[in-house]
Amino acid sequence: MIYIVEDDAEVREMESYALKSGGFEVMAFDCGKAMDDQLKVAVPELFILDIMLPGEDGLSILKRLRGQENTRNIPVIMLTAKGTELDKVKGLDLGADDYMAKPFGILELISRVRAVLRRFGKGIAAEETEMISLGSVSIDDKRHTVSVDGNPVELTFKEYELLKLLIANPGIVFSRQQILEKIWGIDFDMDTRTVDMHVKTLRQKLGEQAFRIQTVRNVGYKAE
């Protein structure tokens, strides 16, 4: 089941028709409140959120979904008429799994949905792993928690995924482009400085263990 939140009736109907034609079950809502009521009944496999919505906007809904236990790991695709890099950064930093700017084609929408769901399927298997540790940095992937020297550390969704990628592969160097593809999982035109920004904030949160994330000059990053 896919939940769509889109206030434009014509666009909402087009998206619903396209996905149903692609073999998906769909429920569409004109605002976040209407979707919340349905969430009490059932949780979907994927959310598609428009950013510009009446009342609570799509980014606020995304942030709320990522903060709730029953929805934090469900993939989200953001749809918006805005196509600036700032909008992409905001959505992706909050935990969106893909981003599409309107107008878009029906076939592209179906393709993006299938790609995100495939990645999510792999993500479910990954969550079955045990503790991942490097030095005194530990990840409990089942509970989606991080600790340093036994103390809990609060990370954003993307910071968590970045840390997990690096410490699960100690000594392996990942280029900035590889990190974008593996963490954000999509092919988009974004400055690789986005990765540098996330590494900077992640190091700050790791405190004395920040040295675990090392810069490989002119290449990218690794964990040691």
Protein backbone atom coordinates (compact mmCIF):
# COMPACT_ATOMS: atom_id res chain seq x y z
CA MET A 1 0.00 0.00 0.00
CA ILE A 2 1.22 3.50 -0.92
CA TYR A 3 -0.02 6.66 0.80
CA ILE A 4 -0.06 9.85 -1.28
CA VAL A 5 -0.50 13.29 0.29
CA GLU A 6 -1.25 15.90 -2.40
CA ASP A 7 -3.64 18.85 -2.14
CA ASP A 8 -4.10 19.35 -5.90
CA ALA A 9 -6.99 17.07 -6.86
CA GLU A 10 -5.92 16.64 -10.50
CA VAL A 11 -2.33 15.78 -9.58
CA ARG A 12 -3.53 13.47 -6.82
CA GLU A 13 -5.78 11.59 -9.24
CA MET A 14 -3.01 11.36 -11.84
CA GLU A 15 -0.54 9.94 -9.33
CA SER A 16 -3.10 7.47 -8.01
CA TYR A 17 -4.08 6.32 -11.50
CA ALA A 18 -0.44 5.93 -12.56
CA LEU A 19 0.51 3.83 -9.56
CA LYS A 20 -2.62 1.70 -9.71
CA SER A 21 -1.86 1.07 -13.38
CA GLY A 22 1.60 -0.03 -12.27
CA GLY A 23 0.07 -2.65 -9.99
CA PHE A 24 0.23 -0.80 -6.67
CA GLU A 25 -2.48 -0.31 -4.07
CA VAL A 26 -2.93 3.38 -3.33
CA MET A 27 -4.69 5.63 -0.84
CA ALA A 28 -4.57 9.38 -1.51
CA PHE A 29 -5.15 12.26 0.91
CA ASP A 30 -5.40 16.01 0.54
CA CYS A 31 -3.63 16.82 3.82
CA GLY A 32 -1.51 15.31 6.56
CA LYS A 33 -4.37 15.12 9.04
CA ALA A 34 -6.41 12.89 6.75
CA MET A 35 -3.39 10.60 6.32
CA ASP A 36 -2.84 10.50 10.10
CA ASP A 37 -6.34 9.17 10.61
CA GLN A 38 -5.62 6.30 8.22
CA LEU A 39 -2.25 5.61 9.87
CA LYS A 40 -4.16 4.60 12.98
CA VAL A 41 -5.68 1.82 10.89
CA ALA A 42 -2.72 0.67 8.78
CA VAL A 43 0.86 1.65 7.96
CA PRO A 44 1.87 1.76 4.25
CA GLU A 45 4.95 0.46 2.48
CA LEU A 46 5.76 3.89 1.05
CA PHE A 47 4.80 7.56 1.49
CA ILE A 48 4.65 10.08 -1.37
CA LEU A 49 4.51 13.61 0.02
CA ASP A 50 4.04 16.95 -1.69
CA ILE A 51 6.03 19.71 0.01
CA MET A 52 3.55 22.54 -0.50
CA LEU A 53 0.45 21.52 1.47
CA PRO A 54 -2.21 23.45 3.37
CA GLY A 55 -1.63 23.47 7.11
CA GLU A 56 1.26 21.13 7.83
CA ASP A 57 3.69 21.07 4.89
CA GLY A 58 5.37 17.97 3.50
CA LEU A 59 8.71 18.59 5.21
CA SER A 60 7.00 18.83 8.59
CA ILE A 61 5.10 15.62 7.91
CA LEU A 62 8.36 13.92 6.88
CA LYS A 63 10.09 15.04 10.08
CA ARG A 64 7.18 13.74 12.15
CA LEU A 65 7.15 10.38 10.33
CA ARG A 66 10.86 9.94 10.95
CA GLY A 67 10.31 10.59 14.66
CA GLN A 68 7.61 7.94 15.09
CA GLU A 69 8.52 4.33 15.85
CA ASN A 70 6.01 2.80 13.42
CA THR A 71 6.96 4.98 10.45
CA ARG A 72 10.61 5.97 10.90
CA ASN A 73 11.94 3.29 8.52
CA ILE A 74 9.23 3.50 5.86
CA PRO A 75 10.56 5.04 2.63
CA VAL A 76 9.40 8.50 1.56
CA ILE A 77 9.44 10.17 -1.85
CA MET A 78 9.06 13.96 -1.89
CA LEU A 79 7.21 15.63 -4.77
CA THR A 80 7.25 19.38 -5.30
CA ALA A 81 7.06 22.10 -7.91
CA LYS A 82 10.24 23.53 -6.46
CA GLY A 83 13.46 22.26 -7.97
CA THR A 84 16.16 24.12 -6.08
CA GLU A 85 19.05 22.36 -4.42
CA LEU A 86 18.00 23.85 -1.06
CA ASP A 87 14.68 22.01 -1.20
CA LYS A 88 16.44 18.77 -2.06
CA VAL A 89 18.87 19.19 0.83
CA LYS A 90 16.10 19.91 3.33
CA GLY A 91 14.06 16.88 2.30
CA LEU A 92 16.98 14.49 2.03
CA ASP A 93 18.51 15.65 5.30
CA LEU A 94 15.23 14.97 7.07
CA GLY A 95 15.29 11.42 5.78
CA ALA A 96 13.54 11.42 2.40
CA ASP A 97 14.60 8.50 0.20
CA ASP A 98 14.00 10.16 -3.15
CA TYR A 99 12.97 13.51 -4.59
CA MET A 100 11.05 14.39 -7.75
CA ALA A 101 10.34 17.87 -9.09
CA LYS A 102 7.07 18.56 -10.88
CA PRO A 103 6.21 18.19 -13.65
CA PHE A 104 7.24 14.54 -13.96
CA GLY A 105 6.25 11.65 -16.20
CA ILE A 106 4.04 8.78 -15.13
CA LEU A 107 6.63 6.18 -16.12
CA GLU A 108 9.31 8.01 -14.14
CA LEU A 109 7.09 8.03 -11.05
CA ILE A 110 6.44 4.30 -11.31
CA SER A 111 10.14 3.62 -11.87
CA ARG A 112 11.18 5.70 -8.87
CA VAL A 113 8.62 3.98 -6.63
CA ARG A 114 9.82 0.54 -7.68
CA ALA A 115 13.46 1.51 -7.14
CA VAL A 116 12.81 2.87 -3.65
CA LEU A 117 10.80 -0.20 -2.65
CA ARG A 118 13.60 -2.47 -3.87
CA ARG A 119 16.09 -0.59 -1.72
CA PHE A 120 13.74 -0.73 1.24
CA GLY A 121 13.47 -4.50 0.89
CA LYS A 122 17.22 -4.75 1.23
CA GLY A 123 17.08 -2.40 4.18
CA ILE A 124 14.74 -4.73 6.07
CA ALA A 125 17.23 -7.57 5.78
CA ALA A 126 20.03 -5.27 6.91
CA GLU A 127 18.16 -4.44 10.11
CA GLU A 128 18.40 -8.07 11.15
CA THR A 129 22.14 -7.72 11.77
CA GLU A 130 23.58 -7.64 15.28
CA MET A 131 25.57 -4.86 16.89
CA ILE A 132 28.06 -3.01 14.69
CA SER A 133 31.00 -1.53 16.57
CA LEU A 134 34.27 0.27 15.97
CA GLY A 135 36.23 1.21 19.06
CA SER A 136 33.71 2.63 21.54
CA VAL A 137 31.24 3.59 18.80
CA SER A 138 28.37 1.10 18.67
CA ILE A 139 25.26 0.79 16.49
CA ASP A 140 22.29 -1.34 17.48
CA ASP A 141 20.70 -1.66 14.05
CA LYS A 142 17.62 -3.46 15.31
CA ARG A 143 16.79 -0.56 17.62
CA HIS A 144 18.29 2.07 15.32
CA THR A 145 20.39 3.54 18.14
CA VAL A 146 23.98 4.75 18.46
CA SER A 147 26.19 5.01 21.54
CA VAL A 148 29.69 6.33 22.20
CA ASP A 149 31.46 5.07 25.32
CA GLY A 150 28.10 3.67 26.41
CA ASN A 151 26.33 7.04 26.11
CA PRO A 152 23.46 7.46 23.61
CA VAL A 153 24.04 9.78 20.65
CA GLU A 154 21.17 11.33 18.73
CA LEU A 155 21.71 11.28 14.97
CA THR A 156 19.57 12.31 12.03
CA PHE A 157 18.43 9.58 9.65
CA LYS A 158 21.18 10.29 7.11
CA GLU A 159 23.89 10.71 9.76
CA TYR A 160 22.95 7.29 11.09
CA GLU A 161 23.12 5.69 7.64
CA LEU A 162 26.46 7.37 6.94
CA LEU A 163 27.98 6.17 10.21
CA LYS A 164 26.65 2.69 9.65
CA LEU A 165 28.14 2.53 6.13
CA LEU A 166 31.58 3.58 7.32
CA ILE A 167 32.00 1.56 10.52
CA ALA A 168 30.49 -1.55 8.96
CA ASN A 169 33.30 -1.35 6.39
CA PRO A 170 36.42 -0.34 8.37
CA GLY A 171 39.39 0.60 6.24
CA ILE A 172 37.32 0.83 3.05
CA VAL A 173 37.52 4.21 1.34
CA PHE A 174 34.27 5.58 -0.07
CA SER A 175 34.30 8.49 -2.49
CA ARG A 176 31.83 11.30 -1.93
CA GLN A 177 29.88 10.19 -4.99
CA GLN A 178 29.72 6.61 -3.72
CA ILE A 179 28.40 7.86 -0.40
CA LEU A 180 25.71 9.92 -2.13
CA GLU A 181 24.61 6.89 -4.13
CA LYS A 182 24.66 4.48 -1.19
CA ILE A 183 23.10 6.74 1.47
CA TRP A 184 20.72 8.80 -0.59
CA GLY A 185 20.31 5.96 -3.04
CA ILE A 186 19.42 8.10 -6.04
CA ASP A 187 21.12 9.71 -8.98
CA PHE A 188 20.67 13.43 -8.64
CA ASP A 189 22.62 16.55 -9.45
CA MET A 190 23.81 17.63 -6.01
CA ASP A 191 27.05 19.12 -4.80
CA THR A 192 29.14 16.47 -3.03
CA ARG A 193 29.74 19.04 -0.29
CA THR A 194 26.49 17.67 1.11
CA VAL A 195 28.54 14.66 2.22
CA ASP A 196 31.18 16.91 3.81
CA MET A 197 28.47 18.72 5.76
CA HIS A 198 27.08 15.47 7.12
CA VAL A 199 30.54 14.20 8.06
CA LYS A 200 31.23 17.46 9.91
CA THR A 201 28.07 17.26 12.03
CA LEU A 202 28.56 13.53 12.58
CA ARG A 203 32.08 14.09 13.89
CA GLN A 204 30.81 16.78 16.25
CA LYS A 205 28.28 14.36 17.70
CA LEU A 206 30.85 11.57 18.09
CA GLY A 207 32.98 13.81 20.30
CA GLU A 208 36.27 12.16 21.28
CA GLN A 209 35.57 9.33 18.84
CA ALA A 210 35.38 11.72 15.87
CA PHE A 211 38.82 10.53 14.75
CA ARG A 212 37.17 7.24 13.73
CA ILE A 213 35.95 8.96 10.56
CA GLN A 214 39.02 9.83 8.54
CA THR A 215 39.35 12.00 5.46
CA VAL A 216 41.19 10.51 2.50
CA ARG A 217 42.45 13.53 0.64
CA ASN A 218 41.03 14.06 -2.86
CA VAL A 219 39.00 10.85 -2.53
CA GLY A 220 36.49 10.67 0.31
CA TYR A 221 36.17 9.06 3.73
CA LYS A 222 36.85 5.87 5.64
CA ALA A 223 36.48 4.57 9.20
CA GLU A 224 39.41 3.24 11.21
